[in-house]
Amino acid sequence: MQKNIKGTGEKMASGAGYIYLGASSDTSRTSYAIALPYPDLDKAAFETSRMVNSARNANGEVVGRQVGRSVHKQNLAWSKMDKEKWWEMNRWFDDGHFTFYCHYFNHNFGRWETRLFYLGDVKTNPYLVDPVSGEPAYYHNASFNVIDCGVV
């Protein structure tokens, strides 16, 4: 099954991305605004944070409990990224999508989830820049992360 990728005229097989982003809580592997390509091997660290309200009691023992729910961070990196795909992703983020819904595989629980996320650090290195157009042939060591907003 093929799906039109909004604003690009391109088609991508449904379920062909690594994670899927959209403006609606209905974002899924078949309904999304943008599909992120699979990152390089060993370049997709999945992190979990748990906020804790804690202190020490009169015996010096730590007592506490988790506040809210666990939040996730997905780090993504590609050693070589097509310039058009890099521009597509960054234009989408810059076009009013500071927060967005992310449909991702939760590696802690072994299931797909959709939660509200925001964009973290973005970095890349232009490679073989054309001196006339200023455009690179592609991007080298492109990376960013998407971070769970923690909305319950």
Foldseek 3Di string as FASTA:
>chain_A
DWDQQPPPRDIDPQPQAQKFWAADLPTDSRDGNDGHHAADVPQWDKDKDWDWDWDADPVRDIDIDTDADIKIKIKGKHQWAQAVNVCVVVVVLVVPPQKIWMFHQDPVVGGTHIAIKGKADWDWAADCQDPPPRHGRTIGTTITMIIGPRDD
